[in-house]
């Protein structure tokens, strides 16, 4: 039984999402996708899944405070 590695580089992460590497880079820079794990050039598959769930509306917390949501989505930009 072979399993996919949990960590992946930018090329594999983009392919996992079904988008071009340049689009993946844009999504990372605009916080649609998580950043790589600090000190590496690897992305966590579960973190990518969580962000995809978030942007597609799966598992959205309807009780979230609007200010907290804004901070989560916009950070310190």
C-alpha atoms as a PDB file:
ATOM      1  CA  UNK A   1       0.000   0.000   0.000  1.00  0.00           C
ATOM      2  CA  UNK A   2       1.447   3.345  -1.021  1.00  0.00           C
ATOM      3  CA  UNK A   3       0.229   6.593   0.444  1.00  0.00           C
ATOM      4  CA  UNK A   4       0.824  10.110  -0.745  1.00  0.00           C
ATOM      5  CA  UNK A   5       3.307  12.052   1.386  1.00  0.00           C
ATOM      6  CA  UNK A   6       1.720  14.611   3.664  1.00  0.00           C
ATOM      7  CA  UNK A   7       4.273  17.282   2.754  1.00  0.00           C
ATOM      8  CA  UNK A   8       4.755  18.470  -0.805  1.00  0.00           C
ATOM      9  CA  UNK A   9       6.698  21.052  -2.758  1.00  0.00           C
ATOM     10  CA  UNK A  10       5.120  23.960  -4.645  1.00  0.00           C
ATOM     11  CA  UNK A  11       4.803  22.037  -7.932  1.00  0.00           C
ATOM     12  CA  UNK A  12       3.054  19.084  -6.281  1.00  0.00           C
ATOM     13  CA  UNK A  13       0.901  21.374  -4.130  1.00  0.00           C
ATOM     14  CA  UNK A  14      -0.267  23.258  -7.213  1.00  0.00           C
ATOM     15  CA  UNK A  15      -0.992  19.990  -9.022  1.00  0.00           C
ATOM     16  CA  UNK A  16      -2.862  18.725  -5.941  1.00  0.00           C
ATOM     17  CA  UNK A  17      -5.086  21.821  -6.160  1.00  0.00           C
ATOM     18  CA  UNK A  18      -5.429  21.459  -9.928  1.00  0.00           C
ATOM     19  CA  UNK A  19      -3.956  24.883 -10.628  1.00  0.00           C
ATOM     20  CA  UNK A  20      -0.797  26.276 -12.218  1.00  0.00           C
ATOM     21  CA  UNK A  21       2.267  26.901 -10.050  1.00  0.00           C
ATOM     22  CA  UNK A  22       1.970  30.630 -10.735  1.00  0.00           C
ATOM     23  CA  UNK A  23      -1.646  30.589  -9.541  1.00  0.00           C
ATOM     24  CA  UNK A  24      -0.650  28.639  -6.434  1.00  0.00           C
ATOM     25  CA  UNK A  25       2.045  31.253  -5.701  1.00  0.00           C
ATOM     26  CA  UNK A  26      -0.519  34.030  -6.124  1.00  0.00           C
ATOM     27  CA  UNK A  27      -2.948  32.243  -3.804  1.00  0.00           C
ATOM     28  CA  UNK A  28      -0.207  31.857  -1.179  1.00  0.00           C
ATOM     29  CA  UNK A  29       0.680  35.553  -1.417  1.00  0.00           C
ATOM     30  CA  UNK A  30      -2.997  36.546  -1.081  1.00  0.00           C
ATOM     31  CA  UNK A  31      -3.573  34.098   1.801  1.00  0.00           C
ATOM     32  CA  UNK A  32      -5.988  31.862  -0.101  1.00  0.00           C
ATOM     33  CA  UNK A  33      -3.452  29.075   0.506  1.00  0.00           C
ATOM     34  CA  UNK A  34      -1.276  28.565   3.560  1.00  0.00           C
ATOM     35  CA  UNK A  35       2.389  29.438   3.489  1.00  0.00           C
ATOM     36  CA  UNK A  36       4.996  26.718   3.448  1.00  0.00           C
ATOM     37  CA  UNK A  37       6.101  25.223   6.744  1.00  0.00           C
ATOM     38  CA  UNK A  38       8.648  27.627   8.278  1.00  0.00           C
ATOM     39  CA  UNK A  39      12.198  26.646   7.450  1.00  0.00           C
ATOM     40  CA  UNK A  40      11.112  24.461   4.530  1.00  0.00           C
ATOM     41  CA  UNK A  41       9.743  24.725   1.028  1.00  0.00           C
ATOM     42  CA  UNK A  42       7.031  22.184   1.797  1.00  0.00           C
ATOM     43  CA  UNK A  43       3.283  22.545   2.209  1.00  0.00           C
ATOM     44  CA  UNK A  44       1.133  20.422   4.488  1.00  0.00           C
ATOM     45  CA  UNK A  45      -1.606  18.581   2.597  1.00  0.00           C
ATOM     46  CA  UNK A  46      -4.014  18.971   5.538  1.00  0.00           C
ATOM     47  CA  UNK A  47      -3.428  22.738   5.697  1.00  0.00           C
ATOM     48  CA  UNK A  48      -4.171  22.958   1.973  1.00  0.00           C
ATOM     49  CA  UNK A  49      -7.321  20.879   2.442  1.00  0.00           C
ATOM     50  CA  UNK A  50      -8.443  23.157   5.280  1.00  0.00           C
ATOM     51  CA  UNK A  51      -7.966  26.283   3.161  1.00  0.00           C
ATOM     52  CA  UNK A  52      -9.785  24.693   0.223  1.00  0.00           C
ATOM     53  CA  UNK A  53     -12.645  23.789   2.563  1.00  0.00           C
ATOM     54  CA  UNK A  54     -12.696  27.369   3.806  1.00  0.00           C
ATOM     55  CA  UNK A  55     -12.734  29.059   0.395  1.00  0.00           C
ATOM     56  CA  UNK A  56     -15.315  26.632  -0.958  1.00  0.00           C
ATOM     57  CA  UNK A  57     -17.602  27.220   2.037  1.00  0.00           C
ATOM     58  CA  UNK A  58     -17.273  23.774   3.594  1.00  0.00           C
ATOM     59  CA  UNK A  59     -17.213  23.883   7.375  1.00  0.00           C
ATOM     60  CA  UNK A  60     -17.798  27.614   7.656  1.00  0.00           C
ATOM     61  CA  UNK A  61     -18.517  28.783  11.197  1.00  0.00           C
ATOM     62  CA  UNK A  62     -21.717  30.829  10.872  1.00  0.00           C
ATOM     63  CA  UNK A  63     -21.355  32.016  14.484  1.00  0.00           C
ATOM     64  CA  UNK A  64     -17.994  33.653  13.871  1.00  0.00           C
ATOM     65  CA  UNK A  65     -17.689  37.278  14.894  1.00  0.00           C
ATOM     66  CA  UNK A  66     -17.400  39.477  11.746  1.00  0.00           C
ATOM     67  CA  UNK A  67     -14.318  41.238  13.138  1.00  0.00           C
ATOM     68  CA  UNK A  68     -12.607  37.916  13.914  1.00  0.00           C
ATOM     69  CA  UNK A  69     -13.442  36.731  10.399  1.00  0.00           C
ATOM     70  CA  UNK A  70     -11.946  39.879   8.892  1.00  0.00           C
ATOM     71  CA  UNK A  71      -8.762  39.473  10.964  1.00  0.00           C
ATOM     72  CA  UNK A  72      -8.479  35.792   9.963  1.00  0.00           C
ATOM     73  CA  UNK A  73      -8.925  36.608   6.280  1.00  0.00           C
ATOM     74  CA  UNK A  74      -6.855  39.786   6.129  1.00  0.00           C
ATOM     75  CA  UNK A  75      -4.296  39.425   8.889  1.00  0.00           C
ATOM     76  CA  UNK A  76      -1.878  42.270   9.354  1.00  0.00           C
ATOM     77  CA  UNK A  77      -2.006  43.398   5.723  1.00  0.00           C
END
